[in-house]
Amino acid sequence: MMLIKPTSTDYKDHHDRWYPYVNHGGSIIAIAGDNFSVLGTDMRLSEDASGEIMSRHQSKAYKLTPTTMLGLCGFHGDVNYLLGQLEYSIKIYTRENYTTISTPALASMLACTLYNRRFFPLYVYNLLVGLDDEGKGCMFSFDPVGSYERESYKAGGSAAAMLQPILDNQIGNKNQNNIIVKIPLTPERAVSVVRDSFISAAERDVLTGDGITIHIITKDGITTKTEILRGD
């Protein structure tokens, strides 16, 4: 489900109508392995209508717990609102249960938060990554009104249509001529795929660029790498 801005064919004199959403761009990739997860985001914050770049250093990855991160992009106002709601709910959960919330439980919390705004949906793309209760990598994708599912890999944001086919081929083993080449998925290979995917997207999507942050989540914590993308 996507929130689509009305065009001239949708409404007469649509310029006089109030439209509350703005796409500030950005793209995210999440990959879940056997005992790790990887989250990659670009660092460009821009205006979709004018193409004006407002920031070249805005990561879309947010740490929620020691083993859980949220990839979040879209309308930056809704991004900040959703983060505030989640941080408050996590504090309440911790105080009531005397423990850190798990990634699957946090996925359910995020789904409820989005569903509560179903009549005025938040314009955000969400990918939640981390480790489950067994220490295995997990990632969850969401639609704007809270429906979610656990997946092995996913792309979201302005360049999702370009990033997802690369993941299908390199991570999902959907190769040509139905020849399945099973290459072990290690953190190093996942990072390499994320890097190469963003390099390709930055060449075609004006709302994606400047740099990428790649976060590797394991039982030992979160490791972050930063690299430069094209800046025009």
Protein backbone atom coordinates (compact mmCIF):
# COMPACT_ATOMS: atom_id res chain seq x y z
CA MET A 1 0.00 0.00 0.00
CA MET A 2 1.36 3.42 -0.96
CA LEU A 3 0.16 6.92 -0.28
CA ILE A 4 0.04 8.55 -3.70
CA LYS A 5 -0.03 12.30 -4.20
CA PRO A 6 -2.97 13.33 -6.42
CA THR A 7 -2.17 14.46 -9.95
CA SER A 8 -4.01 16.74 -12.33
CA THR A 9 -5.97 13.74 -13.62
CA ASP A 10 -7.17 12.85 -10.12
CA TYR A 11 -8.76 16.15 -9.13
CA LYS A 12 -9.69 19.36 -10.85
CA ASP A 13 -7.66 22.30 -9.58
CA HIS A 14 -5.78 19.97 -7.21
CA HIS A 15 -3.28 22.73 -6.45
CA ASP A 16 -5.92 24.38 -4.27
CA ARG A 17 -6.36 21.25 -2.18
CA TRP A 18 -4.51 20.56 1.05
CA TYR A 19 -2.01 17.70 0.83
CA PRO A 20 -0.25 16.84 4.10
CA TYR A 21 2.51 14.57 2.80
CA VAL A 22 5.98 15.31 1.47
CA ASN A 23 8.46 12.66 0.37
CA HIS A 24 11.89 13.57 1.69
CA GLY A 25 13.48 10.67 -0.14
CA GLY A 26 15.99 8.15 1.06
CA SER A 27 16.27 4.38 0.71
CA ILE A 28 16.78 1.48 3.11
CA ILE A 29 17.84 -2.16 2.81
CA ALA A 30 17.53 -4.88 5.46
CA ILE A 31 18.95 -8.41 5.33
CA ALA A 32 18.57 -11.14 7.97
CA GLY A 33 21.10 -13.98 8.23
CA ASP A 34 21.47 -17.02 10.46
CA ASN A 35 22.92 -15.14 13.41
CA PHE A 36 23.09 -11.53 12.24
CA SER A 37 21.14 -8.77 10.55
CA VAL A 38 22.30 -5.93 8.33
CA LEU A 39 20.62 -2.56 7.85
CA GLY A 40 21.81 -0.10 5.21
CA THR A 41 20.52 3.42 4.59
CA ASP A 42 21.57 6.37 2.50
CA MET A 43 22.22 9.83 3.99
CA ARG A 44 20.40 12.26 1.68
CA LEU A 45 17.39 14.27 2.85
CA SER A 46 15.74 16.15 -0.02
CA GLU A 47 12.50 17.60 -1.33
CA ASP A 48 10.75 15.42 -3.90
CA ALA A 49 9.06 18.26 -5.78
CA SER A 50 12.02 20.59 -6.18
CA GLY A 51 14.91 18.15 -5.75
CA GLU A 52 16.49 20.53 -3.23
CA ILE A 53 18.95 18.75 -0.92
CA MET A 54 18.33 19.72 2.71
CA SER A 55 20.94 17.46 4.31
CA ARG A 56 23.73 15.17 3.15
CA HIS A 57 24.27 13.61 6.57
CA GLN A 58 20.84 12.29 7.61
CA SER A 59 20.98 8.56 8.27
CA LYS A 60 17.66 6.74 8.24
CA ALA A 61 18.77 4.08 10.77
CA TYR A 62 17.69 4.42 14.40
CA LYS A 63 18.81 2.25 17.33
CA LEU A 64 15.88 1.22 19.51
CA THR A 65 17.48 -1.49 21.70
CA PRO A 66 20.97 -3.02 21.94
CA THR A 67 19.99 -5.60 19.28
CA THR A 68 17.26 -3.83 17.29
CA MET A 69 17.39 -1.04 14.72
CA LEU A 70 14.70 0.61 12.62
CA GLY A 71 15.20 1.77 9.04
CA LEU A 72 12.82 4.66 8.52
CA CYS A 73 12.34 7.11 5.66
CA GLY A 74 9.61 9.01 3.84
CA PHE A 75 8.07 12.20 5.25
CA HIS A 76 10.59 13.37 7.85
CA GLY A 77 7.93 14.91 10.08
CA ASP A 78 6.16 11.55 10.37
CA VAL A 79 9.54 9.86 10.90
CA ASN A 80 10.20 12.02 13.96
CA TYR A 81 6.66 11.54 15.26
CA LEU A 82 6.82 7.75 14.95
CA LEU A 83 10.23 7.59 16.64
CA GLY A 84 8.91 9.59 19.57
CA GLN A 85 5.91 7.29 19.96
CA LEU A 86 8.09 4.17 19.83
CA GLU A 87 10.68 5.47 22.29
CA TYR A 88 7.92 6.33 24.77
CA SER A 89 6.26 2.91 24.38
CA ILE A 90 9.61 1.12 24.80
CA LYS A 91 10.27 2.98 28.08
CA ILE A 92 6.83 1.99 29.39
CA TYR A 93 7.39 -1.65 28.38
CA THR A 94 10.80 -1.74 30.11
CA ARG A 95 9.45 -0.27 33.35
CA GLU A 96 6.48 -2.63 33.46
CA ASN A 97 8.34 -5.82 32.49
CA TYR A 98 11.85 -5.16 33.91
CA THR A 99 13.42 -6.38 30.68
CA THR A 100 14.41 -5.14 27.24
CA ILE A 101 11.78 -5.66 24.57
CA SER A 102 12.65 -8.27 21.93
CA THR A 103 12.71 -7.52 18.21
CA PRO A 104 9.56 -9.61 17.42
CA ALA A 105 7.67 -7.93 20.27
CA LEU A 106 8.84 -4.54 19.04
CA ALA A 107 7.55 -5.43 15.57
CA SER A 108 4.11 -6.02 17.08
CA MET A 109 4.34 -2.72 18.97
CA LEU A 110 5.24 -0.87 15.78
CA ALA A 111 2.35 -2.50 13.92
CA CYS A 112 -0.11 -1.35 16.61
CA THR A 113 1.33 2.18 16.51
CA LEU A 114 0.83 2.37 12.75
CA TYR A 115 -2.64 0.83 12.97
CA ASN A 116 -3.72 3.48 15.46
CA ARG A 117 -3.13 6.03 12.70
CA ARG A 118 -4.93 4.02 10.00
CA PHE A 119 -7.43 6.83 9.29
CA PHE A 120 -4.58 9.32 8.74
CA PRO A 121 -1.61 7.04 7.90
CA LEU A 122 1.96 8.03 8.52
CA TYR A 123 3.92 8.47 5.27
CA VAL A 124 6.88 6.30 6.24
CA TYR A 125 8.69 3.19 5.03
CA ASN A 126 9.64 0.86 7.91
CA LEU A 127 12.11 -2.02 8.09
CA LEU A 128 12.78 -3.38 11.58
CA VAL A 129 15.90 -5.54 11.98
CA GLY A 130 17.58 -7.33 14.85
CA LEU A 131 17.87 -10.71 16.56
CA ASP A 132 15.02 -12.89 17.77
CA ASP A 133 14.79 -14.78 21.07
CA GLU A 134 16.91 -17.62 19.65
CA GLY A 135 19.69 -15.28 18.51
CA LYS A 136 18.79 -15.60 14.83
CA GLY A 137 18.67 -12.64 12.49
CA CYS A 138 15.21 -11.29 11.79
CA MET A 139 13.66 -8.43 9.87
CA PHE A 140 10.09 -7.21 9.52
CA SER A 141 8.51 -5.06 6.82
CA PHE A 142 5.37 -2.96 7.29
CA ASP A 143 2.75 -1.22 5.21
CA PRO A 144 1.43 2.24 6.22
CA VAL A 145 -1.47 0.86 8.30
CA GLY A 146 0.44 -1.76 10.30
CA SER A 147 0.27 -5.02 8.37
CA TYR A 148 3.66 -6.69 8.69
CA GLU A 149 5.54 -9.88 7.96
CA ARG A 150 8.89 -11.43 8.75
CA GLU A 151 11.17 -11.66 5.72
CA SER A 152 14.78 -12.48 4.86
CA TYR A 153 15.51 -9.31 2.90
CA LYS A 154 13.69 -6.18 1.79
CA ALA A 155 14.24 -2.73 0.27
CA GLY A 156 12.18 0.37 0.94
CA GLY A 157 12.11 4.05 0.11
CA SER A 158 12.43 6.07 -3.07
CA ALA A 159 14.79 3.59 -4.81
CA ALA A 160 13.03 0.41 -3.67
CA ALA A 161 12.02 -0.54 -7.22
CA MET A 162 15.70 -0.58 -8.22
CA LEU A 163 17.09 -2.15 -5.06
CA GLN A 164 14.65 -5.04 -4.65
CA PRO A 165 15.53 -6.85 -7.93
CA ILE A 166 19.21 -6.82 -6.95
CA LEU A 167 18.35 -8.38 -3.59
CA ASP A 168 16.12 -10.96 -5.28
CA ASN A 169 19.04 -11.98 -7.48
CA GLN A 170 21.94 -11.81 -5.03
CA ILE A 171 20.26 -12.79 -1.74
CA GLY A 172 17.13 -14.62 -2.88
CA ASN A 173 19.05 -16.68 -5.46
CA LYS A 174 16.52 -15.85 -8.16
CA ASN A 175 19.10 -16.16 -10.93
CA GLN A 176 18.70 -16.47 -14.67
CA ASN A 177 17.53 -19.69 -16.35
CA ASN A 178 16.33 -21.03 -12.98
CA ILE A 179 19.87 -21.94 -12.03
CA ILE A 180 20.11 -21.58 -8.27
CA VAL A 181 23.59 -20.63 -7.12
CA LYS A 182 23.58 -20.98 -3.35
CA ILE A 183 26.35 -18.85 -1.91
CA PRO A 184 26.59 -18.80 1.89
CA LEU A 185 25.20 -15.59 3.35
CA THR A 186 27.82 -14.13 5.66
CA PRO A 187 27.89 -10.64 7.20
CA GLU A 188 30.69 -9.69 4.79
CA ARG A 189 28.67 -10.76 1.74
CA ALA A 190 25.53 -9.03 3.00
CA VAL A 191 27.47 -5.79 3.49
CA SER A 192 28.94 -6.12 -0.01
CA VAL A 193 25.49 -6.58 -1.57
CA VAL A 194 24.11 -3.59 0.32
CA ARG A 195 27.04 -1.43 -0.80
CA ASP A 196 26.78 -2.44 -4.45
CA SER A 197 23.00 -1.99 -4.44
CA PHE A 198 23.24 1.57 -3.18
CA ILE A 199 25.97 2.44 -5.67
CA SER A 200 23.59 1.38 -8.47
CA ALA A 201 20.60 3.22 -6.97
CA ALA A 202 22.54 6.46 -6.53
CA GLU A 203 23.21 6.49 -10.29
CA ARG A 204 19.48 6.47 -11.11
CA ASP A 205 17.56 7.96 -8.16
CA VAL A 206 18.08 11.65 -7.41
CA LEU A 207 16.59 11.21 -3.92
CA THR A 208 19.24 8.65 -2.92
CA GLY A 209 22.90 9.53 -2.47
CA ASP A 210 25.74 11.29 -0.62
CA GLY A 211 26.65 8.38 1.66
CA ILE A 212 25.54 5.11 3.21
CA THR A 213 25.60 3.79 6.73
CA ILE A 214 25.68 0.00 7.12
CA HIS A 215 24.88 -1.53 10.50
CA ILE A 216 25.74 -5.16 11.34
CA ILE A 217 23.78 -6.52 14.31
CA THR A 218 25.10 -9.59 16.17
CA LYS A 219 24.89 -10.92 19.71
CA ASP A 220 28.01 -8.90 20.48
CA GLY A 221 26.35 -5.61 19.55
CA ILE A 222 26.05 -3.28 16.56
CA THR A 223 28.92 -2.40 14.24
CA THR A 224 28.56 0.58 11.90
CA LYS A 225 30.35 1.33 8.64
CA THR A 226 30.07 4.52 6.59
CA GLU A 227 30.91 4.99 2.93
CA ILE A 228 30.58 7.78 0.38
CA LEU A 229 28.10 7.76 -2.53
CA ARG A 230 27.88 10.23 -5.38
CA GLY A 231 26.78 13.65 -4.20
CA ASP A 232 25.03 15.09 -7.26
